[in-house]
């Protein structure tokens, strides 16, 4: 009975193995393979799928296809990895060799936003100069996914989202305070100009009044004496 059950289960086991083999190339699609001179670069996220706010890394595997697909080791000392997001400034992260996987390296970092990332590798590979840019996206390697759809029963903002919201609110409050201060300065300046104008007007009126008073009280020409003739 057990032998029968085992024999009947073998086709299912074989189907599962075939399914895993079929999914194998699909998993490789999450990474981008590129020829760089005599070497092959395989690049993608270290953990797939890549989720925002979760520890991950830029994974790089370098082999020499013409040399029996030889893994190229020691590149943590000759290559530099940088990561960029959304057109922002790239940041450099140290490469480390993955234990037990010759030719594979990871630059550890935590992607804090969902979307497309750019990995750039510069330096040398066995004396050959390298400057290769890899961008996530369709047909290349997977973007970082948002964690919100996986949160249940309620969505909790990531710490970086809360910090970003608080920073934006602080920036808006600062801008509002600056606008109020500017308006206050303009009002004070306007008041000063108004007071100055009033003083000028008063001074002008005083000067006119003084001149008018002087004209009113000044004596006229002396009358000539009348001479009577006999």
Protein backbone atom coordinates (compact mmCIF):
# COMPACT_ATOMS: atom_id res chain seq x y z
CA UNK A 1 0.00 0.00 0.00
CA UNK A 2 2.81 2.39 0.88
CA UNK A 3 4.69 1.41 -2.28
CA UNK A 4 1.59 2.14 -4.33
CA UNK A 5 1.17 5.50 -2.67
CA UNK A 6 4.82 6.32 -3.29
CA UNK A 7 4.60 5.31 -6.94
CA UNK A 8 1.46 7.36 -7.39
CA UNK A 9 3.15 10.33 -5.76
CA UNK A 10 6.24 10.21 -8.00
CA UNK A 11 4.54 11.92 -10.98
CA UNK A 12 3.41 14.76 -8.72
CA UNK A 13 6.93 15.09 -7.33
CA UNK A 14 8.32 15.12 -10.85
CA UNK A 15 5.80 17.78 -11.85
CA UNK A 16 6.81 19.90 -8.87
CA UNK A 17 10.48 19.59 -9.83
CA UNK A 18 9.69 20.56 -13.41
CA UNK A 19 7.69 23.52 -12.12
CA UNK A 20 10.61 24.67 -9.99
CA UNK A 21 12.93 24.31 -12.96
CA UNK A 22 10.51 26.31 -15.07
CA UNK A 23 10.37 29.03 -12.41
CA UNK A 24 14.15 29.13 -12.16
CA UNK A 25 14.67 31.28 -15.28
CA UNK A 26 11.73 33.42 -14.16
CA UNK A 27 13.54 34.13 -10.91
CA UNK A 28 16.63 35.12 -12.91
CA UNK A 29 14.52 37.71 -14.70
CA UNK A 30 14.53 39.68 -11.44
CA UNK A 31 18.21 40.42 -12.20
CA UNK A 32 19.83 42.01 -15.21
CA UNK A 33 22.70 40.24 -16.96
CA UNK A 34 25.18 42.25 -19.01
CA UNK A 35 28.48 41.58 -20.75
CA UNK A 36 31.24 43.90 -19.56
CA UNK A 37 34.29 43.14 -21.67
CA UNK A 38 35.22 39.50 -21.04
CA UNK A 39 33.07 39.41 -17.89
CA UNK A 40 29.42 38.84 -17.13
CA UNK A 41 27.66 41.12 -14.61
CA UNK A 42 24.43 39.92 -12.98
CA UNK A 43 22.76 42.72 -10.99
CA UNK A 44 19.59 43.02 -8.92
CA UNK A 45 18.27 43.34 -5.39
CA UNK A 46 19.69 40.90 -2.89
CA UNK A 47 16.22 40.00 -1.55
CA UNK A 48 13.30 39.57 -3.92
CA UNK A 49 10.75 40.97 -3.91
CA UNK A 50 12.33 44.17 -2.64
CA UNK A 51 10.04 45.96 -0.16
CA UNK A 52 10.35 49.52 1.12
CA UNK A 53 11.60 49.82 4.67
CA UNK A 54 13.10 46.31 4.68
CA UNK A 55 16.84 45.48 4.80
CA UNK A 56 18.13 44.69 1.33
CA UNK A 57 21.12 45.36 -0.87
CA UNK A 58 22.50 45.82 -4.37
CA UNK A 59 23.64 42.37 -5.44
CA UNK A 60 26.38 41.85 -8.03
CA UNK A 61 27.69 38.57 -9.41
CA UNK A 62 30.73 38.65 -11.72
CA UNK A 63 31.93 35.67 -13.76
CA UNK A 64 34.29 35.07 -16.68
CA UNK A 65 32.28 33.10 -19.30
CA UNK A 66 35.29 32.40 -21.52
CA UNK A 67 37.16 30.90 -18.57
CA UNK A 68 34.66 28.11 -17.74
CA UNK A 69 32.36 30.69 -16.15
CA UNK A 70 34.95 31.34 -13.45
CA UNK A 71 33.75 33.45 -10.49
CA UNK A 72 35.77 36.64 -10.20
CA UNK A 73 36.79 37.17 -6.59
CA UNK A 74 38.32 40.02 -4.61
CA UNK A 75 36.24 42.79 -6.22
CA UNK A 76 35.14 44.20 -2.85
CA UNK A 77 38.56 45.85 -2.84
CA UNK A 78 38.51 47.25 -6.38
CA UNK A 79 34.86 48.16 -7.07
CA UNK A 80 32.67 50.87 -5.57
CA UNK A 81 28.86 50.61 -5.51
CA UNK A 82 26.57 53.66 -5.46
CA UNK A 83 22.78 53.74 -5.13
CA UNK A 84 20.50 56.52 -6.41
CA UNK A 85 16.75 57.08 -6.25
CA UNK A 86 14.39 59.42 -8.07
CA UNK A 87 17.05 61.57 -9.69
CA UNK A 88 18.63 62.35 -6.33
CA UNK A 89 22.30 62.33 -5.44
CA UNK A 90 23.84 58.83 -5.37
CA UNK A 91 25.23 57.42 -2.16
CA UNK A 92 28.18 55.03 -1.95
CA UNK A 93 27.88 51.77 -0.02
CA UNK A 94 30.71 49.32 0.64
CA UNK A 95 30.69 46.01 -1.21
CA UNK A 96 31.09 42.81 0.76
CA UNK A 97 31.85 39.36 -0.60
CA UNK A 98 29.06 36.85 0.07
CA UNK A 99 30.33 33.91 2.10
CA UNK A 100 30.07 30.61 0.27
CA UNK A 101 29.20 32.23 -3.06
CA UNK A 102 32.41 33.09 -4.93
CA UNK A 103 32.06 36.01 -7.32
CA UNK A 104 28.95 37.40 -5.58
CA UNK A 105 28.91 40.75 -3.73
CA UNK A 106 26.32 42.83 -1.89
CA UNK A 107 26.15 46.52 -0.98
CA UNK A 108 23.79 46.48 2.01
CA UNK A 109 21.20 49.26 2.40
CA UNK A 110 17.53 49.76 3.31
CA UNK A 111 15.36 51.19 0.49
CA UNK A 112 13.05 53.68 2.23
CA UNK A 113 10.83 54.45 -0.76
CA UNK A 114 9.03 52.37 -3.35
CA UNK A 115 10.03 52.86 -6.98
CA UNK A 116 13.00 52.69 -9.28
CA UNK A 117 16.61 52.53 -8.09
CA UNK A 118 19.94 52.92 -9.91
CA UNK A 119 23.01 50.86 -9.04
CA UNK A 120 26.36 52.02 -10.43
CA UNK A 121 29.62 50.07 -10.19
CA UNK A 122 32.92 51.84 -10.80
CA UNK A 123 36.51 50.77 -10.43
CA UNK A 124 38.44 47.86 -11.94
CA UNK A 125 37.89 44.14 -12.51
CA UNK A 126 41.23 42.37 -12.76
CA UNK A 127 42.78 45.55 -14.14
CA UNK A 128 39.95 46.45 -16.55
CA UNK A 129 38.27 49.79 -15.90
CA UNK A 130 34.54 49.51 -15.14
CA UNK A 131 31.78 52.13 -15.00
CA UNK A 132 28.42 50.37 -15.35
CA UNK A 133 24.98 51.79 -14.54
CA UNK A 134 22.00 49.50 -13.87
CA UNK A 135 18.46 50.87 -13.42
CA UNK A 136 15.56 48.83 -12.11
CA UNK A 137 12.41 48.55 -14.19
CA UNK A 138 10.59 46.33 -16.70
CA UNK A 139 12.93 44.02 -18.58
CA UNK A 140 15.80 44.75 -16.19
CA UNK A 141 15.48 44.03 -12.47
CA UNK A 142 12.57 44.60 -10.15
CA UNK A 143 11.69 47.94 -8.56
CA UNK A 144 11.07 48.31 -4.83
CA UNK A 145 7.44 47.57 -3.95
CA UNK A 146 5.28 49.43 -1.45
CA UNK A 147 4.64 47.59 1.78
CA UNK A 148 1.18 49.15 2.24
CA UNK A 149 -0.79 46.46 0.29
CA UNK A 150 0.62 43.77 2.62
CA UNK A 151 -0.36 45.54 5.85
CA UNK A 152 -3.47 44.15 7.54
CA UNK A 153 -5.87 44.91 9.16
CA UNK A 154 -4.71 48.52 9.07
CA UNK A 155 -1.95 50.36 7.30
CA UNK A 156 0.78 51.82 9.50
CA UNK A 157 2.96 54.54 7.98
CA UNK A 158 6.65 53.78 7.87
CA UNK A 159 8.84 55.79 10.20
CA UNK A 160 10.43 57.59 7.26
CA UNK A 161 6.98 58.55 5.92
CA UNK A 162 5.98 59.97 9.30
CA UNK A 163 9.27 61.85 9.53
CA UNK A 164 8.83 63.17 5.99
CA UNK A 165 5.29 64.36 6.80
CA UNK A 166 6.51 66.09 9.95
CA UNK A 167 9.38 67.70 8.03
CA UNK A 168 7.01 68.95 5.32
CA UNK A 169 4.68 70.37 7.99
CA UNK A 170 7.62 72.09 9.67
CA UNK A 171 8.74 73.51 6.33
CA UNK A 172 5.26 74.84 5.65
CA UNK A 173 5.05 76.35 9.14
CA UNK A 174 8.45 77.95 8.63
CA UNK A 175 7.35 79.38 5.29
CA UNK A 176 4.17 80.76 6.87
CA UNK A 177 6.15 82.37 9.70
CA UNK A 178 8.55 83.89 7.18
CA UNK A 179 5.59 85.29 5.22
CA UNK A 180 4.10 86.78 8.40
CA UNK A 181 7.45 88.32 9.37
CA UNK A 182 7.84 89.78 5.89
CA UNK A 183 4.32 91.23 5.99
CA UNK A 184 5.03 92.70 9.43
CA UNK A 185 8.22 94.32 8.16
CA UNK A 186 6.36 95.76 5.18
CA UNK A 187 3.63 97.09 7.45
CA UNK A 188 6.19 98.71 9.76
CA UNK A 189 7.98 100.20 6.77
CA UNK A 190 4.69 101.48 5.37
CA UNK A 191 3.76 102.97 8.73
CA UNK A 192 7.14 104.69 8.90
CA UNK A 193 6.66 106.13 5.43
CA UNK A 194 3.18 107.32 6.41
CA UNK A 195 4.41 109.02 9.59
CA UNK A 196 7.24 110.64 7.67
CA UNK A 197 4.74 111.90 5.11
CA UNK A 198 2.54 113.37 7.85
CA UNK A 199 5.55 115.12 9.42
CA UNK A 200 6.57 116.53 6.05
CA UNK A 201 3.03 117.77 5.48
CA UNK A 202 2.87 119.38 8.91
CA UNK A 203 6.24 121.00 8.39
CA UNK A 204 5.16 122.29 4.98
CA UNK A 205 1.92 123.70 6.37
CA UNK A 206 3.83 125.34 9.22
CA UNK A 207 6.24 126.93 6.80
CA UNK A 208 3.40 128.23 4.63
CA UNK A 209 1.55 129.58 7.65
CA UNK A 210 4.69 131.34 8.87
CA UNK A 211 5.26 133.01 5.51
CA UNK A 212 1.59 134.07 5.27
CA UNK A 213 1.71 135.58 8.76
CA UNK A 214 4.86 137.51 7.94
CA UNK A 215 3.20 139.00 4.84
CA UNK A 216 0.11 139.96 6.82
CA UNK A 217 1.94 141.88 9.59
CA UNK A 218 4.68 143.53 7.57
CA UNK A 219 4.16 147.42 7.32
CA UNK A 220 3.33 148.96 4.01
CA UNK A 221 5.30 151.85 2.42
CA UNK A 222 5.48 155.11 4.52
CA UNK A 223 2.91 157.76 3.55
CA UNK A 224 4.37 160.94 2.23
CA UNK A 225 3.37 164.17 4.10
CA UNK A 226 0.91 166.37 2.35
CA UNK A 227 2.22 169.88 1.63
CA UNK A 228 -0.42 172.55 1.40
CA UNK A 229 0.32 175.52 -0.82
CA UNK A 230 -0.99 179.01 0.19
